[in-house]
N, C-alpha and C. Protein backbone atom coordinates (compact mmCIF):
# COMPACT_ATOMS: atom_id res chain seq x y z
N MET A 1 26.07 2.27 -17.86
CA MET A 1 24.70 1.69 -17.71
C MET A 1 23.57 2.61 -18.19
N ASP A 2 22.86 2.16 -19.06
CA ASP A 2 21.67 2.80 -19.48
C ASP A 2 20.44 2.60 -18.43
N TRP A 3 20.36 3.68 -17.71
CA TRP A 3 19.02 3.28 -16.63
C TRP A 3 17.79 3.57 -17.22
N ARG A 4 17.85 4.04 -18.48
CA ARG A 4 16.41 4.15 -19.15
C ARG A 4 15.81 2.92 -19.21
N ARG A 5 16.64 1.66 -19.34
CA ARG A 5 16.19 0.50 -19.81
C ARG A 5 15.42 -0.26 -18.43
N HIS A 6 15.63 0.42 -17.13
CA HIS A 6 15.25 -0.05 -16.11
C HIS A 6 14.15 0.92 -15.29
N ILE A 7 14.31 2.13 -15.62
CA ILE A 7 13.48 3.03 -14.96
C ILE A 7 12.46 3.83 -15.81
N THR A 8 11.20 3.92 -15.31
CA THR A 8 10.17 4.69 -16.33
C THR A 8 9.49 5.73 -15.52
N VAL A 9 8.95 6.81 -16.07
CA VAL A 9 8.27 7.95 -15.54
C VAL A 9 6.84 7.91 -16.38
N ASP A 10 5.76 7.49 -15.82
CA ASP A 10 4.25 7.62 -16.20
C ASP A 10 3.58 8.28 -15.32
N PRO A 11 2.87 9.28 -16.14
CA PRO A 11 1.89 10.04 -15.15
C PRO A 11 0.74 9.05 -14.68
N ASN A 12 0.45 7.94 -15.23
CA ASN A 12 -0.55 7.12 -14.79
C ASN A 12 -0.03 5.94 -13.76
N ILE A 13 1.33 5.89 -13.52
CA ILE A 13 1.68 4.97 -12.49
C ILE A 13 2.51 5.77 -11.42
N CYS A 14 2.16 5.63 -10.20
CA CYS A 14 2.78 6.25 -8.97
C CYS A 14 2.91 7.61 -9.11
N HIS A 15 1.84 8.19 -9.55
CA HIS A 15 1.78 9.67 -9.85
C HIS A 15 2.92 10.39 -10.62
N GLY A 16 3.41 9.66 -11.52
CA GLY A 16 4.41 10.22 -12.36
C GLY A 16 5.77 10.08 -11.68
N GLN A 17 5.84 9.67 -10.44
CA GLN A 17 7.21 9.40 -9.98
C GLN A 17 8.10 8.37 -10.68
N ALA A 18 9.18 8.34 -10.52
CA ALA A 18 10.23 7.58 -11.17
C ALA A 18 9.98 6.23 -10.61
N CYS A 19 9.88 5.09 -11.17
CA CYS A 19 9.90 3.98 -10.60
C CYS A 19 10.62 2.64 -11.60
N ILE A 20 10.91 1.54 -10.91
CA ILE A 20 11.41 0.36 -11.74
C ILE A 20 10.26 -0.03 -12.80
N VAL A 21 10.90 -0.38 -13.94
CA VAL A 21 9.90 -0.71 -15.10
C VAL A 21 9.11 -1.93 -14.67
N ALA A 22 7.76 -2.14 -14.80
CA ALA A 22 6.78 -3.28 -14.57
C ALA A 22 6.71 -3.45 -13.14
N THR A 23 7.02 -2.41 -12.38
CA THR A 23 6.84 -2.48 -10.96
C THR A 23 6.18 -1.47 -10.46
N ARG A 24 5.92 -1.21 -9.18
CA ARG A 24 5.50 0.17 -8.52
C ARG A 24 6.44 0.56 -7.53
N ILE A 25 7.72 0.10 -7.62
CA ILE A 25 8.77 0.22 -6.82
C ILE A 25 9.44 1.61 -7.24
N LEU A 26 9.43 2.61 -6.21
CA LEU A 26 9.67 3.87 -6.46
C LEU A 26 11.21 3.90 -6.47
N VAL A 27 12.00 4.69 -7.32
CA VAL A 27 13.24 4.82 -7.44
C VAL A 27 13.64 5.49 -5.94
N SER A 28 12.99 6.38 -5.49
CA SER A 28 13.36 7.10 -4.20
C SER A 28 13.46 6.05 -3.10
N VAL A 29 12.46 5.08 -3.21
CA VAL A 29 12.57 4.09 -2.08
C VAL A 29 13.79 3.26 -2.24
N VAL A 30 14.25 2.93 -3.24
CA VAL A 30 15.48 2.20 -3.47
C VAL A 30 16.75 3.04 -2.93
N LEU A 31 16.76 4.26 -3.42
CA LEU A 31 17.88 5.26 -2.87
C LEU A 31 17.75 5.55 -1.42
N ASP A 32 16.60 5.72 -0.74
CA ASP A 32 16.58 5.84 0.58
C ASP A 32 16.96 4.49 1.35
N ASN A 33 16.65 3.42 0.97
CA ASN A 33 17.27 2.23 1.50
C ASN A 33 18.69 2.24 1.42
N LEU A 34 19.33 2.42 0.06
CA LEU A 34 20.73 2.64 -0.05
C LEU A 34 21.56 3.52 1.03
N ALA A 35 20.82 4.78 0.87
CA ALA A 35 21.32 5.92 1.95
C ALA A 35 21.34 5.48 3.20
N ALA A 36 20.45 4.55 3.71
CA ALA A 36 20.41 4.19 5.08
C ALA A 36 21.34 3.01 5.38
N GLY A 37 22.08 2.67 4.33
CA GLY A 37 23.15 1.52 4.49
C GLY A 37 22.44 0.27 4.44
N ILE A 38 21.38 -0.07 4.12
CA ILE A 38 20.81 -1.39 4.01
C ILE A 38 21.40 -2.04 2.74
N PRO A 39 21.97 -3.25 2.95
CA PRO A 39 22.85 -3.96 1.97
C PRO A 39 21.83 -4.20 0.51
N GLU A 40 22.28 -4.27 -0.29
CA GLU A 40 21.63 -4.56 -1.81
C GLU A 40 20.84 -5.93 -1.64
N SER A 41 21.38 -6.82 -0.89
CA SER A 41 20.72 -8.34 -0.90
C SER A 41 19.45 -8.10 0.04
N GLU A 42 19.66 -7.16 1.04
CA GLU A 42 18.53 -7.05 1.88
C GLU A 42 17.33 -6.31 1.21
N ILE A 43 17.62 -5.50 0.31
CA ILE A 43 16.70 -4.63 -0.45
C ILE A 43 15.98 -5.51 -1.26
N ILE A 44 16.80 -6.37 -1.98
CA ILE A 44 16.23 -7.40 -2.97
C ILE A 44 15.29 -8.50 -2.21
N LYS A 45 15.85 -8.68 -0.88
CA LYS A 45 14.84 -9.52 -0.10
C LYS A 45 13.57 -8.86 0.15
N SER A 46 13.67 -7.56 0.49
CA SER A 46 12.43 -6.91 0.75
C SER A 46 11.46 -6.54 -0.45
N TYR A 47 12.00 -6.47 -1.70
CA TYR A 47 11.56 -6.22 -2.85
C TYR A 47 12.15 -7.10 -4.02
N PRO A 48 11.61 -8.37 -4.03
CA PRO A 48 11.81 -9.52 -4.89
C PRO A 48 12.01 -9.20 -6.29
N ARG A 49 11.08 -8.20 -6.71
CA ARG A 49 11.14 -7.97 -8.25
C ARG A 49 12.17 -7.07 -8.58
N LEU A 50 13.09 -6.59 -7.70
CA LEU A 50 14.33 -5.86 -7.92
C LEU A 50 15.57 -6.79 -8.28
N THR A 51 16.26 -6.28 -9.13
CA THR A 51 17.58 -7.12 -9.58
C THR A 51 18.79 -6.08 -9.19
N PRO A 52 19.87 -6.69 -9.08
CA PRO A 52 21.14 -5.99 -8.77
C PRO A 52 21.42 -4.88 -9.83
N GLU A 53 20.83 -5.16 -11.18
CA GLU A 53 21.00 -4.21 -12.34
C GLU A 53 19.92 -3.07 -12.18
N SER A 54 18.79 -3.43 -11.64
CA SER A 54 17.83 -2.21 -11.36
C SER A 54 18.36 -1.42 -10.35
N ILE A 55 18.88 -1.80 -9.33
CA ILE A 55 19.48 -1.05 -8.14
C ILE A 55 20.62 -0.30 -8.68
N GLN A 56 21.47 -0.74 -9.68
CA GLN A 56 22.42 0.17 -10.10
C GLN A 56 21.84 1.27 -11.09
N ALA A 57 20.72 1.05 -11.83
CA ALA A 57 20.10 1.80 -12.36
C ALA A 57 19.64 3.13 -11.77
N CYS A 58 19.16 2.66 -10.50
CA CYS A 58 18.68 3.82 -9.52
C CYS A 58 19.96 4.67 -9.31
N LEU A 59 21.06 4.06 -9.05
CA LEU A 59 22.16 4.94 -8.56
C LEU A 59 22.59 5.66 -9.84
N ALA A 60 22.49 5.41 -11.19
CA ALA A 60 22.73 6.04 -12.39
C ALA A 60 21.86 7.05 -12.61
N TYR A 61 20.57 6.78 -12.44
CA TYR A 61 19.53 7.91 -12.40
C TYR A 61 19.91 8.99 -11.55
N ALA A 62 20.12 8.73 -10.19
CA ALA A 62 20.43 9.77 -9.31
C ALA A 62 21.56 10.47 -9.59
N ALA A 63 22.61 10.06 -10.19
CA ALA A 63 23.85 10.54 -10.57
C ALA A 63 23.64 11.45 -11.64
N ASP A 64 22.71 11.12 -12.58
CA ASP A 64 22.46 12.03 -13.83
C ASP A 64 21.58 13.24 -13.30
N LEU A 65 20.61 13.00 -12.38
CA LEU A 65 19.90 14.26 -11.70
C LEU A 65 20.88 15.29 -10.92
N ALA A 66 21.86 14.45 -10.26
CA ALA A 66 22.83 15.42 -9.55
C ALA A 66 23.53 16.29 -10.69
N ARG A 67 23.85 15.79 -11.69
CA ARG A 67 24.50 16.42 -12.76
C ARG A 67 23.75 17.70 -13.30
N GLU A 68 22.44 17.38 -13.23
CA GLU A 68 21.48 18.40 -13.75
C GLU A 68 21.06 19.51 -13.09
N GLU A 69 21.08 19.45 -11.77
CA GLU A 69 20.68 20.43 -10.94
C GLU A 69 21.65 20.81 -9.91
N VAL A 70 21.77 22.06 -9.76
CA VAL A 70 22.74 22.55 -8.66
C VAL A 70 21.97 23.18 -7.66
N VAL A 71 22.30 22.38 -6.28
CA VAL A 71 21.64 22.57 -5.12
C VAL A 71 22.64 23.51 -4.22
N GLY A 72 22.05 24.71 -3.76
CA GLY A 72 23.09 25.63 -2.94
C GLY A 72 23.00 24.91 -1.60
N LEU A 73 24.26 24.81 -1.11
CA LEU A 73 24.57 24.23 0.25
C LEU A 73 25.06 25.40 1.12
N PRO A 74 24.78 25.44 2.44
CA PRO A 74 25.07 26.57 3.22
C PRO A 74 26.66 26.24 3.54
N ALA A 75 27.30 27.33 3.56
CA ALA A 75 28.73 27.15 3.82
C ALA A 75 29.17 26.89 5.12
């Protein structure tokens, strides 16, 4: 999946935080909801402008970020 078709970063929108194209829905909000175990259908009900594809794009974006940065974890 090419998440770039669904996610944008614009310094004039949401203070430059990653959000879904043509919305002000932050990628972090979508990821927080998924991490909390909220089903995709409930997230879409709360944010009707989201699509299943945009939610998948958030996951793909997060996966790309995780590959780019190494975070030290305590042993």
